[in-house]
Amino acid sequence: MSYRRHLNTIVSIFVDGAQCEGVQGVRSAIFDHFSQHFKWVDVERPGLGEIVFNSLSNEEGADLIKPFLLEEIKEAVWDCIALRVPGLMALT
């Protein structure tokens, strides 16, 4: 395990043609690289212009989150019986 750790150790690194050595130098070079690579870039996205989307009223929105009634579930299940494999007897 110590041999593998030795093989994975970064002793020095070249940054912009200059060699950085030592733990702090390598750590700083790597940190700077990834800080620049993953920094937040504020990009202005194109807008949608004058496009207007349809929206739901408050009553319609409330209907989307209300619980299902047992009768609605039964009706949906019984409607699926017509989609069964041919030859099976439909339940009534």
C-alpha atoms as a PDB file:
ATOM      1  CA  MET A   1       0.000   0.000   0.000  1.00  0.00           C
ATOM      2  CA  SER A   2       2.829   2.387   0.756  1.00  0.00           C
ATOM      3  CA  TYR A   3       4.373   1.592  -2.647  1.00  0.00           C
ATOM      4  CA  ARG A   4       1.090   2.490  -4.375  1.00  0.00           C
ATOM      5  CA  ARG A   5       0.908   5.711  -2.367  1.00  0.00           C
ATOM      6  CA  HIS A   6       4.475   6.483  -3.460  1.00  0.00           C
ATOM      7  CA  LEU A   7       3.524   5.926  -7.123  1.00  0.00           C
ATOM      8  CA  ASN A   8       0.490   8.235  -6.803  1.00  0.00           C
ATOM      9  CA  THR A   9       2.460  11.054  -5.193  1.00  0.00           C
ATOM     10  CA  ILE A  10       2.871  14.214  -7.283  1.00  0.00           C
ATOM     11  CA  VAL A  11       6.329  15.562  -6.485  1.00  0.00           C
ATOM     12  CA  SER A  12       6.379  18.410  -8.985  1.00  0.00           C
ATOM     13  CA  ILE A  13       4.184  19.917 -11.661  1.00  0.00           C
ATOM     14  CA  PHE A  14       4.747  22.267 -14.605  1.00  0.00           C
ATOM     15  CA  VAL A  15       2.525  25.348 -14.708  1.00  0.00           C
ATOM     16  CA  ASP A  16       2.960  27.823 -17.570  1.00  0.00           C
ATOM     17  CA  GLY A  17       6.458  26.480 -18.257  1.00  0.00           C
ATOM     18  CA  ALA A  18       7.618  26.813 -14.625  1.00  0.00           C
ATOM     19  CA  GLN A  19       8.121  23.834 -12.354  1.00  0.00           C
ATOM     20  CA  CYS A  20       6.340  23.885  -8.988  1.00  0.00           C
ATOM     21  CA  GLU A  21       7.775  21.608  -6.319  1.00  0.00           C
ATOM     22  CA  GLY A  22       6.895  20.695  -2.779  1.00  0.00           C
ATOM     23  CA  VAL A  23       3.587  19.946  -1.163  1.00  0.00           C
ATOM     24  CA  GLN A  24       2.436  23.564  -0.885  1.00  0.00           C
ATOM     25  CA  GLY A  25       3.514  24.506  -4.416  1.00  0.00           C
ATOM     26  CA  VAL A  26       1.816  21.506  -6.037  1.00  0.00           C
ATOM     27  CA  ARG A  27      -1.280  21.915  -3.875  1.00  0.00           C
ATOM     28  CA  SER A  28      -1.511  25.600  -4.754  1.00  0.00           C
ATOM     29  CA  ALA A  29      -1.054  24.966  -8.501  1.00  0.00           C
ATOM     30  CA  ILE A  30      -3.716  22.258  -8.548  1.00  0.00           C
ATOM     31  CA  PHE A  31      -6.125  24.343  -6.457  1.00  0.00           C
ATOM     32  CA  ASP A  32      -5.665  27.363  -8.745  1.00  0.00           C
ATOM     33  CA  HIS A  33      -6.229  25.249 -11.843  1.00  0.00           C
ATOM     34  CA  PHE A  34      -9.487  23.745 -10.640  1.00  0.00           C
ATOM     35  CA  SER A  35     -10.667  27.028  -9.113  1.00  0.00           C
ATOM     36  CA  GLN A  36     -10.399  28.652 -12.540  1.00  0.00           C
ATOM     37  CA  HIS A  37     -11.823  25.616 -14.296  1.00  0.00           C
ATOM     38  CA  PHE A  38     -14.949  25.322 -12.127  1.00  0.00           C
ATOM     39  CA  LYS A  39     -15.621  28.953 -11.247  1.00  0.00           C
ATOM     40  CA  TRP A  40     -19.094  30.378 -11.743  1.00  0.00           C
ATOM     41  CA  VAL A  41     -19.461  32.223 -15.007  1.00  0.00           C
ATOM     42  CA  ASP A  42     -22.483  34.480 -15.330  1.00  0.00           C
ATOM     43  CA  VAL A  43     -23.741  33.995 -18.873  1.00  0.00           C
ATOM     44  CA  GLU A  44     -26.712  35.849 -20.258  1.00  0.00           C
ATOM     45  CA  ARG A  45     -29.112  33.355 -21.758  1.00  0.00           C
ATOM     46  CA  PRO A  46     -31.333  34.243 -24.693  1.00  0.00           C
ATOM     47  CA  GLY A  47     -34.859  35.176 -23.703  1.00  0.00           C
ATOM     48  CA  LEU A  48     -38.111  33.751 -24.996  1.00  0.00           C
ATOM     49  CA  GLY A  49     -39.285  37.095 -26.306  1.00  0.00           C
ATOM     50  CA  GLU A  50     -43.010  37.546 -26.492  1.00  0.00           C
ATOM     51  CA  ILE A  51     -43.954  33.881 -26.092  1.00  0.00           C
ATOM     52  CA  VAL A  52     -46.865  33.483 -23.689  1.00  0.00           C
ATOM     53  CA  PHE A  53     -47.528  30.092 -22.128  1.00  0.00           C
ATOM     54  CA  ASN A  54     -50.933  28.870 -21.033  1.00  0.00           C
ATOM     55  CA  SER A  55     -51.290  28.661 -17.283  1.00  0.00           C
ATOM     56  CA  LEU A  56     -53.672  26.967 -14.880  1.00  0.00           C
ATOM     57  CA  SER A  57     -56.095  28.762 -12.624  1.00  0.00           C
ATOM     58  CA  ASN A  58     -55.851  28.220  -8.862  1.00  0.00           C
ATOM     59  CA  GLU A  59     -58.782  25.783  -8.991  1.00  0.00           C
ATOM     60  CA  GLU A  60     -57.184  23.758 -11.796  1.00  0.00           C
ATOM     61  CA  GLY A  61     -53.880  23.702  -9.912  1.00  0.00           C
ATOM     62  CA  ALA A  62     -55.632  22.470  -6.761  1.00  0.00           C
ATOM     63  CA  ASP A  63     -57.136  19.592  -8.780  1.00  0.00           C
ATOM     64  CA  LEU A  64     -53.624  18.383  -9.614  1.00  0.00           C
ATOM     65  CA  ILE A  65     -52.706  17.721  -5.982  1.00  0.00           C
ATOM     66  CA  LYS A  66     -55.972  16.374  -4.557  1.00  0.00           C
ATOM     67  CA  PRO A  67     -56.028  12.666  -3.588  1.00  0.00           C
ATOM     68  CA  PHE A  68     -57.646  10.126  -5.917  1.00  0.00           C
ATOM     69  CA  LEU A  69     -61.083   8.827  -5.015  1.00  0.00           C
ATOM     70  CA  LEU A  70     -61.565   5.066  -4.718  1.00  0.00           C
ATOM     71  CA  GLU A  71     -64.199   5.209  -7.454  1.00  0.00           C
ATOM     72  CA  GLU A  72     -61.726   6.925  -9.819  1.00  0.00           C
ATOM     73  CA  ILE A  73     -59.136   4.219  -9.191  1.00  0.00           C
ATOM     74  CA  LYS A  74     -61.661   1.426  -9.786  1.00  0.00           C
ATOM     75  CA  GLU A  75     -62.850   3.073 -12.998  1.00  0.00           C
ATOM     76  CA  ALA A  76     -59.283   3.386 -14.302  1.00  0.00           C
ATOM     77  CA  VAL A  77     -58.508  -0.262 -13.486  1.00  0.00           C
ATOM     78  CA  TRP A  78     -61.730  -1.552 -15.076  1.00  0.00           C
ATOM     79  CA  ASP A  79     -61.037   0.515 -18.199  1.00  0.00           C
ATOM     80  CA  CYS A  80     -57.723  -1.358 -18.577  1.00  0.00           C
ATOM     81  CA  ILE A  81     -59.441  -4.745 -18.754  1.00  0.00           C
ATOM     82  CA  ALA A  82     -60.204  -4.140 -22.437  1.00  0.00           C
ATOM     83  CA  LEU A  83     -56.433  -4.066 -23.030  1.00  0.00           C
ATOM     84  CA  ARG A  84     -55.932  -7.602 -21.698  1.00  0.00           C
ATOM     85  CA  VAL A  85     -54.476 -10.457 -23.709  1.00  0.00           C
ATOM     86  CA  PRO A  86     -57.011 -11.940 -26.161  1.00  0.00           C
ATOM     87  CA  GLY A  87     -58.586 -15.120 -24.906  1.00  0.00           C
ATOM     88  CA  LEU A  88     -58.784 -14.150 -21.246  1.00  0.00           C
ATOM     89  CA  MET A  89     -62.237 -13.700 -19.852  1.00  0.00           C
ATOM     90  CA  ALA A  90     -63.121 -10.129 -18.865  1.00  0.00           C
ATOM     91  CA  LEU A  91     -64.225  -9.588 -15.315  1.00  0.00           C
ATOM     92  CA  THR A  92     -67.554  -7.895 -14.783  1.00  0.00           C
END
